[in-house]
Amino acid sequence: MKNLVGSLVLGIPLLWAPAAFGQSQPTAVIQNPSGICDGATPAYDALLRKTPTKVANVGTKVAYVSCSLPLLFPNEVDTVSLFVRNPNRVKGSVSCTLVDGTNGADAPPTRSYAQSYAFAAGDRTWISFYWEPAAYGLVTFSGPVNLSCALSPGMELDNIGEEFVAAP
């Protein structure tokens, strides 16, 4: 265990090595929600099924899910995307709110931007939400960005993506 901890501590600087050697940093990140999303409470978590590629509401009532996306400092968040599936083509809805910012002591107040979609029975199997700062009169989101979603039974969260721009 001691060697594992030592290896992890020594390996941390390597995460920042590309910038130190003049290599470009990532401009986009796409993640599956299973590692960054949880039920908003343990009761909602009990309604969810997580696989390596999705978070699905397998319950019989709406489940609330919270997701925290990484911020690749010093970049700023330019666009956020979320893909939602309705694999069984059931009637239902998904409402998601992007929460921009953090509750840190010196942080500016968080801002919220909601989007929703109602699936009719037999409707398409997936949709995508996009949040772009210009739609809200912003240049970039301040970040980090977070998502809060209400999923009807049968709905799934799939890929979550972020695009970044270099901080000024």
Foldseek 3Di string as FASTA:
>chain_A
DVVVVVVVVVCVVVVVVCVVVVHDDDQKDKAAQLVFKAFPDVVLNVQWDDDRFKIARQDQFKTKMKGWDDDPPPWFWFKKKWKKFQQQQDWWKKKKKKWFWDPDPPTDHIDIDMDMDTGHRVRDTMDMDMDGQVVVVGRTGRDDIMMMMITHHRMMIGMMMTGTDHDD
